[in-house]
C-alpha atoms as a PDB file:
ATOM      1  CA  UNK A   1      -1.733   1.801   1.141  1.00  0.00           C
ATOM      2  CA  UNK A   2      -2.300  -1.197   3.434  1.00  0.00           C
ATOM      3  CA  UNK A   3      -0.083   0.388   6.091  1.00  0.00           C
ATOM      4  CA  UNK A   4      -2.143   3.559   5.786  1.00  0.00           C
ATOM      5  CA  UNK A   5      -5.418   1.659   6.264  1.00  0.00           C
ATOM      6  CA  UNK A   6      -4.082   0.006   9.412  1.00  0.00           C
ATOM      7  CA  UNK A   7      -4.160   3.441  11.049  1.00  0.00           C
ATOM      8  CA  UNK A   8      -7.789   4.201  10.138  1.00  0.00           C
ATOM      9  CA  UNK A   9      -9.528   2.708  13.146  1.00  0.00           C
ATOM     10  CA  UNK A  10     -12.833   4.506  13.637  1.00  0.00           C
ATOM     11  CA  UNK A  11     -12.823   6.176  10.213  1.00  0.00           C
ATOM     12  CA  UNK A  12     -15.482   5.694   7.563  1.00  0.00           C
ATOM     13  CA  UNK A  13     -13.506   4.874   4.431  1.00  0.00           C
ATOM     14  CA  UNK A  14     -14.101   3.175   1.126  1.00  0.00           C
ATOM     15  CA  UNK A  15     -12.313   1.902  -1.958  1.00  0.00           C
ATOM     16  CA  UNK A  16     -13.826   3.121  -5.231  1.00  0.00           C
ATOM     17  CA  UNK A  17     -12.963   0.339  -7.669  1.00  0.00           C
ATOM     18  CA  UNK A  18     -14.984   1.471 -10.650  1.00  0.00           C
ATOM     19  CA  UNK A  19     -16.797   4.458 -12.028  1.00  0.00           C
ATOM     20  CA  UNK A  20     -19.932   5.477 -10.111  1.00  0.00           C
ATOM     21  CA  UNK A  21     -23.051   3.853 -11.500  1.00  0.00           C
ATOM     22  CA  UNK A  22     -26.320   5.582 -12.273  1.00  0.00           C
ATOM     23  CA  UNK A  23     -29.685   4.076 -11.383  1.00  0.00           C
ATOM     24  CA  UNK A  24     -33.152   5.036 -12.734  1.00  0.00           C
ATOM     25  CA  UNK A  25     -33.707   7.318  -9.736  1.00  0.00           C
ATOM     26  CA  UNK A  26     -30.941   9.566 -11.060  1.00  0.00           C
ATOM     27  CA  UNK A  27     -32.708  10.197 -14.360  1.00  0.00           C
ATOM     28  CA  UNK A  28     -34.314  13.588 -14.828  1.00  0.00           C
ATOM     29  CA  UNK A  29     -32.319  15.204 -12.046  1.00  0.00           C
ATOM     30  CA  UNK A  30     -30.757  18.565 -12.705  1.00  0.00           C
ATOM     31  CA  UNK A  31     -27.334  17.233 -11.692  1.00  0.00           C
ATOM     32  CA  UNK A  32     -27.308  13.483 -10.974  1.00  0.00           C
ATOM     33  CA  UNK A  33     -23.588  13.641 -10.188  1.00  0.00           C
ATOM     34  CA  UNK A  34     -24.357  15.728  -7.111  1.00  0.00           C
ATOM     35  CA  UNK A  35     -26.700  12.980  -5.936  1.00  0.00           C
ATOM     36  CA  UNK A  36     -24.067  10.308  -6.598  1.00  0.00           C
ATOM     37  CA  UNK A  37     -21.490  12.346  -4.684  1.00  0.00           C
ATOM     38  CA  UNK A  38     -23.913  12.616  -1.778  1.00  0.00           C
ATOM     39  CA  UNK A  39     -24.455   8.847  -1.761  1.00  0.00           C
ATOM     40  CA  UNK A  40     -20.699   8.227  -1.717  1.00  0.00           C
ATOM     41  CA  UNK A  41     -20.221  10.754   1.089  1.00  0.00           C
ATOM     42  CA  UNK A  42     -22.929   9.072   3.183  1.00  0.00           C
ATOM     43  CA  UNK A  43     -20.872   5.871   3.131  1.00  0.00           C
ATOM     44  CA  UNK A  44     -17.363   7.260   3.543  1.00  0.00           C
ATOM     45  CA  UNK A  45     -15.543  10.364   4.706  1.00  0.00           C
ATOM     46  CA  UNK A  46     -12.258   9.106   3.282  1.00  0.00           C
ATOM     47  CA  UNK A  47     -12.098   7.744  -0.251  1.00  0.00           C
ATOM     48  CA  UNK A  48      -9.106   5.782  -1.525  1.00  0.00           C
ATOM     49  CA  UNK A  49      -8.219   5.180  -5.144  1.00  0.00           C
ATOM     50  CA  UNK A  50      -5.342   2.756  -5.444  1.00  0.00           C
ATOM     51  CA  UNK A  51      -4.645   3.124  -9.154  1.00  0.00           C
ATOM     52  CA  UNK A  52      -8.175   1.877  -9.796  1.00  0.00           C
ATOM     53  CA  UNK A  53      -9.720   4.674 -11.858  1.00  0.00           C
ATOM     54  CA  UNK A  54      -9.017   4.268 -15.533  1.00  0.00           C
ATOM     55  CA  UNK A  55      -9.975   7.116 -17.851  1.00  0.00           C
ATOM     56  CA  UNK A  56     -10.294   5.898 -21.429  1.00  0.00           C
ATOM     57  CA  UNK A  57     -12.349   8.616 -23.083  1.00  0.00           C
ATOM     58  CA  UNK A  58     -13.193  12.279 -22.782  1.00  0.00           C
ATOM     59  CA  UNK A  59     -16.703  11.555 -21.430  1.00  0.00           C
ATOM     60  CA  UNK A  60     -15.147   9.869 -18.387  1.00  0.00           C
ATOM     61  CA  UNK A  61     -12.871  12.855 -17.933  1.00  0.00           C
ATOM     62  CA  UNK A  62     -15.768  15.313 -17.892  1.00  0.00           C
ATOM     63  CA  UNK A  63     -17.742  13.169 -15.446  1.00  0.00           C
ATOM     64  CA  UNK A  64     -14.764  12.842 -13.095  1.00  0.00           C
ATOM     65  CA  UNK A  65     -14.224  16.581 -12.861  1.00  0.00           C
ATOM     66  CA  UNK A  66     -17.837  17.326 -11.982  1.00  0.00           C
ATOM     67  CA  UNK A  67     -18.109  14.383  -9.578  1.00  0.00           C
ATOM     68  CA  UNK A  68     -14.974  15.229  -7.631  1.00  0.00           C
ATOM     69  CA  UNK A  69     -15.878  18.894  -7.415  1.00  0.00           C
ATOM     70  CA  UNK A  70     -19.067  17.812  -5.643  1.00  0.00           C
ATOM     71  CA  UNK A  71     -17.165  15.368  -3.424  1.00  0.00           C
ATOM     72  CA  UNK A  72     -14.594  17.955  -2.408  1.00  0.00           C
ATOM     73  CA  UNK A  73     -17.293  20.521  -1.711  1.00  0.00           C
ATOM     74  CA  UNK A  74     -18.917  18.046   0.693  1.00  0.00           C
ATOM     75  CA  UNK A  75     -15.608  17.653   2.523  1.00  0.00           C
ATOM     76  CA  UNK A  76     -14.545  14.192   1.432  1.00  0.00           C
ATOM     77  CA  UNK A  77     -10.868  13.296   1.897  1.00  0.00           C
ATOM     78  CA  UNK A  78      -9.147  11.688  -1.081  1.00  0.00           C
ATOM     79  CA  UNK A  79      -6.081   9.456  -0.846  1.00  0.00           C
ATOM     80  CA  UNK A  80      -4.959   8.093  -4.198  1.00  0.00           C
ATOM     81  CA  UNK A  81      -1.981   6.417  -5.824  1.00  0.00           C
ATOM     82  CA  UNK A  82      -0.947   6.728  -9.451  1.00  0.00           C
ATOM     83  CA  UNK A  83       1.933   5.741 -11.676  1.00  0.00           C
ATOM     84  CA  UNK A  84       1.734   9.194 -13.262  1.00  0.00           C
ATOM     85  CA  UNK A  85       2.001  12.673 -11.828  1.00  0.00           C
ATOM     86  CA  UNK A  86      -1.199  14.753 -12.149  1.00  0.00           C
ATOM     87  CA  UNK A  87       0.234  16.819 -15.008  1.00  0.00           C
ATOM     88  CA  UNK A  88       0.833  13.616 -16.985  1.00  0.00           C
ATOM     89  CA  UNK A  89      -2.623  12.090 -16.593  1.00  0.00           C
ATOM     90  CA  UNK A  90      -4.537  11.295 -19.792  1.00  0.00           C
ATOM     91  CA  UNK A  91      -1.439  12.323 -21.729  1.00  0.00           C
ATOM     92  CA  UNK A  92      -1.562  11.891 -25.491  1.00  0.00           C
ATOM     93  CA  UNK A  93      -5.294  11.170 -25.524  1.00  0.00           C
ATOM     94  CA  UNK A  94      -7.921  12.704 -27.758  1.00  0.00           C
ATOM     95  CA  UNK A  95      -9.278  16.096 -26.605  1.00  0.00           C
ATOM     96  CA  UNK A  96      -7.024  16.131 -23.549  1.00  0.00           C
ATOM     97  CA  UNK A  97      -7.715  19.846 -23.153  1.00  0.00           C
ATOM     98  CA  UNK A  98     -11.143  18.886 -21.778  1.00  0.00           C
ATOM     99  CA  UNK A  99      -9.409  16.802 -19.101  1.00  0.00           C
ATOM    100  CA  UNK A 100      -7.163  19.608 -17.907  1.00  0.00           C
ATOM    101  CA  UNK A 101      -9.910  21.040 -15.688  1.00  0.00           C
ATOM    102  CA  UNK A 102      -9.930  17.786 -13.688  1.00  0.00           C
ATOM    103  CA  UNK A 103      -6.137  17.945 -13.314  1.00  0.00           C
ATOM    104  CA  UNK A 104      -6.497  21.527 -12.083  1.00  0.00           C
ATOM    105  CA  UNK A 105      -9.105  20.397  -9.531  1.00  0.00           C
ATOM    106  CA  UNK A 106      -6.788  17.667  -8.231  1.00  0.00           C
ATOM    107  CA  UNK A 107      -3.842  20.045  -7.919  1.00  0.00           C
ATOM    108  CA  UNK A 108      -5.991  22.645  -6.171  1.00  0.00           C
ATOM    109  CA  UNK A 109      -7.556  20.293  -3.623  1.00  0.00           C
ATOM    110  CA  UNK A 110      -4.822  17.657  -3.112  1.00  0.00           C
ATOM    111  CA  UNK A 111      -1.212  17.601  -1.964  1.00  0.00           C
ATOM    112  CA  UNK A 112       0.986  15.547  -4.299  1.00  0.00           C
ATOM    113  CA  UNK A 113       3.706  13.424  -2.707  1.00  0.00           C
ATOM    114  CA  UNK A 114       6.199  11.758  -5.013  1.00  0.00           C
ATOM    115  CA  UNK A 115       7.282   8.388  -3.663  1.00  0.00           C
ATOM    116  CA  UNK A 116      10.310   7.345  -5.648  1.00  0.00           C
ATOM    117  CA  UNK A 117      13.545   5.504  -5.105  1.00  0.00           C
ATOM    118  CA  UNK A 118      16.656   4.654  -7.082  1.00  0.00           C
ATOM    119  CA  UNK A 119      16.899   1.351  -5.210  1.00  0.00           C
ATOM    120  CA  UNK A 120      15.370  -1.837  -6.593  1.00  0.00           C
ATOM    121  CA  UNK A 121      14.448  -3.527  -3.330  1.00  0.00           C
ATOM    122  CA  UNK A 122      13.656  -6.786  -5.119  1.00  0.00           C
ATOM    123  CA  UNK A 123      17.378  -7.286  -5.659  1.00  0.00           C
ATOM    124  CA  UNK A 124      18.300  -6.705  -2.026  1.00  0.00           C
ATOM    125  CA  UNK A 125      16.790  -9.958  -0.744  1.00  0.00           C
ATOM    126  CA  UNK A 126      17.138 -13.553  -1.779  1.00  0.00           C
ATOM    127  CA  UNK A 127      14.399 -16.084  -2.408  1.00  0.00           C
ATOM    128  CA  UNK A 128      15.382 -17.945   0.750  1.00  0.00           C
ATOM    129  CA  UNK A 129      14.426 -14.898   2.811  1.00  0.00           C
ATOM    130  CA  UNK A 130      10.931 -15.115   1.389  1.00  0.00           C
ATOM    131  CA  UNK A 131      10.392 -11.710  -0.202  1.00  0.00           C
ATOM    132  CA  UNK A 132      10.920 -11.706  -3.960  1.00  0.00           C
ATOM    133  CA  UNK A 133      11.661 -14.643  -6.248  1.00  0.00           C
ATOM    134  CA  UNK A 134      13.249 -13.332  -9.423  1.00  0.00           C
ATOM    135  CA  UNK A 135      15.770 -15.998 -10.443  1.00  0.00           C
ATOM    136  CA  UNK A 136      15.003 -18.345 -13.298  1.00  0.00           C
ATOM    137  CA  UNK A 137      15.885 -21.296 -11.079  1.00  0.00           C
ATOM    138  CA  UNK A 138      13.298 -20.465  -8.422  1.00  0.00           C
ATOM    139  CA  UNK A 139      10.588 -22.896  -9.600  1.00  0.00           C
ATOM    140  CA  UNK A 140      11.735 -25.822  -7.462  1.00  0.00           C
ATOM    141  CA  UNK A 141      12.072 -23.571  -4.413  1.00  0.00           C
ATOM    142  CA  UNK A 142       8.582 -22.131  -4.949  1.00  0.00           C
ATOM    143  CA  UNK A 143       7.028 -25.582  -5.310  1.00  0.00           C
ATOM    144  CA  UNK A 144       8.675 -26.613  -2.052  1.00  0.00           C
ATOM    145  CA  UNK A 145       7.263 -23.528  -0.298  1.00  0.00           C
ATOM    146  CA  UNK A 146       3.845 -24.231  -1.795  1.00  0.00           C
ATOM    147  CA  UNK A 147       3.862 -27.748  -0.372  1.00  0.00           C
ATOM    148  CA  UNK A 148       4.838 -26.378   3.036  1.00  0.00           C
ATOM    149  CA  UNK A 149       1.848 -24.028   2.945  1.00  0.00           C
ATOM    150  CA  UNK A 150      -0.518 -26.753   1.801  1.00  0.00           C
ATOM    151  CA  UNK A 151       0.694 -29.126   4.487  1.00  0.00           C
ATOM    152  CA  UNK A 152      -0.951 -32.519   4.377  1.00  0.00           C
ATOM    153  CA  UNK A 153      -3.661 -31.347   2.002  1.00  0.00           C
ATOM    154  CA  UNK A 154      -3.910 -32.709  -1.522  1.00  0.00           C
ATOM    155  CA  UNK A 155      -3.395 -30.154  -4.298  1.00  0.00           C
ATOM    156  CA  UNK A 156      -5.782 -30.505  -7.232  1.00  0.00           C
ATOM    157  CA  UNK A 157      -6.745 -28.394 -10.262  1.00  0.00           C
ATOM    158  CA  UNK A 158      -9.492 -25.882  -9.479  1.00  0.00           C
ATOM    159  CA  UNK A 159     -11.782 -23.485 -11.330  1.00  0.00           C
ATOM    160  CA  UNK A 160     -12.694 -19.984 -10.160  1.00  0.00           C
ATOM    161  CA  UNK A 161     -15.865 -18.404 -11.503  1.00  0.00           C
ATOM    162  CA  UNK A 162     -15.811 -14.643 -12.019  1.00  0.00           C
ATOM    163  CA  UNK A 163     -18.213 -12.221 -13.699  1.00  0.00           C
ATOM    164  CA  UNK A 164     -20.426 -13.206 -16.636  1.00  0.00           C
ATOM    165  CA  UNK A 165     -19.745 -16.890 -16.047  1.00  0.00           C
ATOM    166  CA  UNK A 166     -16.042 -16.588 -16.870  1.00  0.00           C
ATOM    167  CA  UNK A 167     -13.909 -19.338 -15.369  1.00  0.00           C
ATOM    168  CA  UNK A 168     -10.223 -19.229 -14.530  1.00  0.00           C
ATOM    169  CA  UNK A 169      -8.303 -22.465 -14.228  1.00  0.00           C
ATOM    170  CA  UNK A 170      -6.091 -22.921 -11.174  1.00  0.00           C
ATOM    171  CA  UNK A 171      -3.360 -25.496 -11.929  1.00  0.00           C
ATOM    172  CA  UNK A 172      -3.002 -26.521  -8.264  1.00  0.00           C
ATOM    173  CA  UNK A 173      -5.003 -25.361  -5.273  1.00  0.00           C
ATOM    174  CA  UNK A 174      -5.457 -26.470  -1.681  1.00  0.00           C
ATOM    175  CA  UNK A 175      -5.704 -25.087   1.841  1.00  0.00           C
ATOM    176  CA  UNK A 176      -6.364 -21.560   0.574  1.00  0.00           C
ATOM    177  CA  UNK A 177      -3.222 -21.600  -1.584  1.00  0.00           C
ATOM    178  CA  UNK A 178      -2.754 -21.688  -5.349  1.00  0.00           C
ATOM    179  CA  UNK A 179       0.240 -22.433  -7.545  1.00  0.00           C
ATOM    180  CA  UNK A 180       0.689 -20.779 -10.949  1.00  0.00           C
ATOM    181  CA  UNK A 181       3.490 -20.258 -13.391  1.00  0.00           C
ATOM    182  CA  UNK A 182       4.107 -16.698 -14.565  1.00  0.00           C
ATOM    183  CA  UNK A 183       2.741 -17.543 -18.002  1.00  0.00           C
ATOM    184  CA  UNK A 184      -0.480 -18.966 -16.562  1.00  0.00           C
ATOM    185  CA  UNK A 185      -1.156 -15.775 -14.627  1.00  0.00           C
ATOM    186  CA  UNK A 186       0.140 -13.075 -16.957  1.00  0.00           C
ATOM    187  CA  UNK A 187      -0.057 -14.399 -20.511  1.00  0.00           C
ATOM    188  CA  UNK A 188      -3.726 -15.367 -20.418  1.00  0.00           C
ATOM    189  CA  UNK A 189      -6.594 -12.949 -21.224  1.00  0.00           C
ATOM    190  CA  UNK A 190      -7.588 -12.225 -17.622  1.00  0.00           C
ATOM    191  CA  UNK A 191      -9.162  -9.046 -16.301  1.00  0.00           C
ATOM    192  CA  UNK A 192      -9.416  -7.282 -12.951  1.00  0.00           C
ATOM    193  CA  UNK A 193     -12.556  -9.190 -11.954  1.00  0.00           C
ATOM    194  CA  UNK A 194     -10.811 -12.505 -12.633  1.00  0.00           C
ATOM    195  CA  UNK A 195      -7.855 -11.631 -10.419  1.00  0.00           C
ATOM    196  CA  UNK A 196     -10.069 -10.323  -7.609  1.00  0.00           C
ATOM    197  CA  UNK A 197     -12.110 -13.505  -7.515  1.00  0.00           C
ATOM    198  CA  UNK A 198      -9.015 -15.651  -7.906  1.00  0.00           C
ATOM    199  CA  UNK A 199      -7.264 -14.191  -4.886  1.00  0.00           C
ATOM    200  CA  UNK A 200     -10.338 -13.992  -2.676  1.00  0.00           C
ATOM    201  CA  UNK A 201      -9.278 -17.552  -1.628  1.00  0.00           C
ATOM    202  CA  UNK A 202     -12.806 -18.613  -0.892  1.00  0.00           C
ATOM    203  CA  UNK A 203     -12.868 -20.719  -4.039  1.00  0.00           C
ATOM    204  CA  UNK A 204      -9.826 -22.743  -3.017  1.00  0.00           C
ATOM    205  CA  UNK A 205     -10.522 -25.675  -0.669  1.00  0.00           C
ATOM    206  CA  UNK A 206      -9.249 -25.414   2.879  1.00  0.00           C
END
């Protein structure tokens, strides 16, 4: 997706990271979703969804279908990634039949490209080449690389504040870099907002 964005010079585009929100001005309208679609279209001609829309209930499904019908009718271009093919979206969920209309809309208005490979590219490079570090003995090598990135700076524990006053502890941070173990990043109860704030780098001293 990043490579795709590099080619969008001059385009109006936007990431939609969460469901559209409704303000008081939308109340009482015959179809507030049409207004929301218009507001999105005023900001972007091309809309990208990089696996960011999560449908957890049938109400979301119904809203999505109506919203995207309005967006498509206005001429918006959608580029999206997903771990599931359209026919497998919302699979096994309650009242999935109500979601099928949204799947039909996607298949009618979008071209699906399957990007798959039988090759695990992580295993084709070594840690020394600087791509993927998958060996159990990589900790010492990673710490050495971290120190090279930090340079002469002093690494100290940090705290990153996210939404609702939540704080995420950074074991070591300096010069815009942070060092974590896998357990510290993936075994703790962190959410999307925590990770976004954590990797914004502005909270780590430079």
